[in-house]
Structures are given as structure tokens and as C-alpha cells.
Protein backbone atom coordinates (compact mmCIF):
# COMPACT_ATOMS: atom_id res chain seq x y z
CA UNK A 1 101.76 106.38 79.84
CA UNK A 2 98.73 108.67 80.59
CA UNK A 3 96.08 108.40 83.20
CA UNK A 4 93.29 111.11 83.26
CA UNK A 5 90.51 110.81 85.74
CA UNK A 6 87.04 112.84 86.00
CA UNK A 7 85.03 112.81 89.04
CA UNK A 8 81.50 114.37 89.61
CA UNK A 9 79.90 114.18 92.95
CA UNK A 10 76.38 115.55 93.72
CA UNK A 11 73.62 114.86 96.46
CA UNK A 12 72.00 112.16 94.79
CA UNK A 13 74.71 110.39 92.63
CA UNK A 14 78.49 110.25 91.92
CA UNK A 15 80.05 109.53 88.47
CA UNK A 16 83.98 108.47 87.99
CA UNK A 17 85.29 108.02 84.61
CA UNK A 18 89.20 107.07 84.32
CA UNK A 19 91.44 106.00 81.60
CA UNK A 20 94.90 104.73 81.01
CA UNK A 21 96.94 104.39 78.02
CA UNK A 22 100.32 102.85 77.72
CA UNK A 23 102.75 102.62 74.67
CA UNK A 24 105.66 100.33 74.59
CA UNK A 25 108.26 99.88 71.95
CA UNK A 26 110.72 97.01 71.83
CA UNK A 27 113.31 95.32 69.64
CA UNK A 28 115.71 92.36 70.34
CA UNK A 29 118.55 90.46 68.58
CA UNK A 30 116.42 87.38 67.70
CA UNK A 31 113.61 88.90 65.95
CA UNK A 32 113.91 90.93 62.72
CA UNK A 33 110.97 93.08 63.51
CA UNK A 34 109.90 95.38 66.18
CA UNK A 35 106.50 95.55 68.05
CA UNK A 36 104.73 98.81 68.87
CA UNK A 37 102.45 97.66 71.61
CA UNK A 38 99.49 99.89 72.86
CA UNK A 39 97.33 98.93 75.87
CA UNK A 40 94.39 100.85 77.11
CA UNK A 41 91.98 100.67 79.96
CA UNK A 42 88.69 102.90 80.13
CA UNK A 43 86.42 102.76 83.19
CA UNK A 44 83.23 104.20 84.61
CA UNK A 45 81.48 104.00 87.91
CA UNK A 46 78.18 105.23 88.60
CA UNK A 47 76.25 105.28 91.96
CA UNK A 48 72.73 106.59 92.40
CA UNK A 49 71.29 106.96 96.14
CA UNK A 50 67.58 106.38 96.40
CA UNK A 51 66.91 107.80 99.93
CA UNK A 52 68.96 106.49 102.91
CA UNK A 53 68.61 102.86 102.37
CA UNK A 54 68.83 102.10 98.71
CA UNK A 55 71.91 102.55 96.45
CA UNK A 56 72.04 101.56 92.67
CA UNK A 57 75.56 101.10 91.34
CA UNK A 58 77.08 100.22 88.09
CA UNK A 59 80.61 100.06 86.60
CA UNK A 60 81.89 99.45 83.15
CA UNK A 61 85.60 98.42 82.46
CA UNK A 62 87.03 98.12 78.89
CA UNK A 63 90.49 96.89 78.47
CA UNK A 64 92.42 95.97 75.47
CA UNK A 65 95.86 95.62 73.68
CA UNK A 66 96.99 96.29 70.12
CA UNK A 67 100.06 96.17 67.99
CA UNK A 68 101.06 92.73 68.90
CA UNK A 69 102.05 90.59 65.95
CA UNK A 70 101.28 87.30 67.60
CA UNK A 71 97.90 85.76 66.74
CA UNK A 72 95.51 86.26 69.83
CA UNK A 73 97.85 88.68 71.22
CA UNK A 74 95.52 91.80 70.38
CA UNK A 75 92.30 91.56 72.33
CA UNK A 76 89.51 93.47 74.11
CA UNK A 77 87.66 92.78 77.35
CA UNK A 78 84.38 94.46 78.28
CA UNK A 79 82.80 93.90 81.70
CA UNK A 80 79.84 95.49 83.03
CA UNK A 81 78.69 95.05 86.66
CA UNK A 82 75.26 96.39 88.30
CA UNK A 83 74.20 96.10 91.74
CA UNK A 84 71.72 97.12 94.35
CA UNK A 85 72.59 97.81 98.06
CA UNK A 86 70.16 97.79 100.89
CA UNK A 87 71.12 99.16 104.41
CA UNK A 88 69.53 97.29 107.15
CA UNK A 89 69.60 97.22 110.99
CA UNK A 90 69.69 100.14 113.41
CA UNK A 91 71.93 102.96 112.26
CA UNK A 92 72.47 101.28 108.84
CA UNK A 93 75.11 98.80 110.26
CA UNK A 94 74.20 95.94 107.89
CA UNK A 95 74.06 95.63 104.26
CA UNK A 96 72.49 93.22 101.63
């Protein structure tokens, strides 16, 4: 299993990139073949601050599996989220 991570933080934005890779080898007495399973996850997060009140954010996650001999066992999922954050009230105690 490997899990690297990269973080960049500045005055106006921050960027985080991370990944995860796993390898599994298995064999049993009931099956005549072995499976070499690979699973991975790639992710990224980005926040950009527009002044003191507005924040734009986005994150992307890609996860998948490979090497499975079952039909439908190998798949990849991609999820993208985006958002806007507005701080309100005195001393920015509320968020919308």
C-alpha cells in the first residue's frame, strides 16, 4: 500500500492532492486461479478565498479496482463536488 500526499497553501488558495494504491494477491483451495487485485484512489481539493466572506471550493475523487475476474468487479467511480461558502453575521459566525 502506498499513500503519497501533496499540499500547497498560499494567502489566497490551498491545493491538496492525495493518492492511495493497494495491491492484494490471494489464492484458495476452491478456485484454480489466483486474483491480483489493484485498488486505487486519487483525490484533489481546491479552495480559493475571495476576500474575507466568499470561498470557492471544489474536490475531485477517482476510485477504482482492477484485476478481479468476476464480471462487474472492476469499476471506476468519479465524483466532482463544487461549492460556494458565504460567511455572514458579526465576526463571521454564520455560513451559507
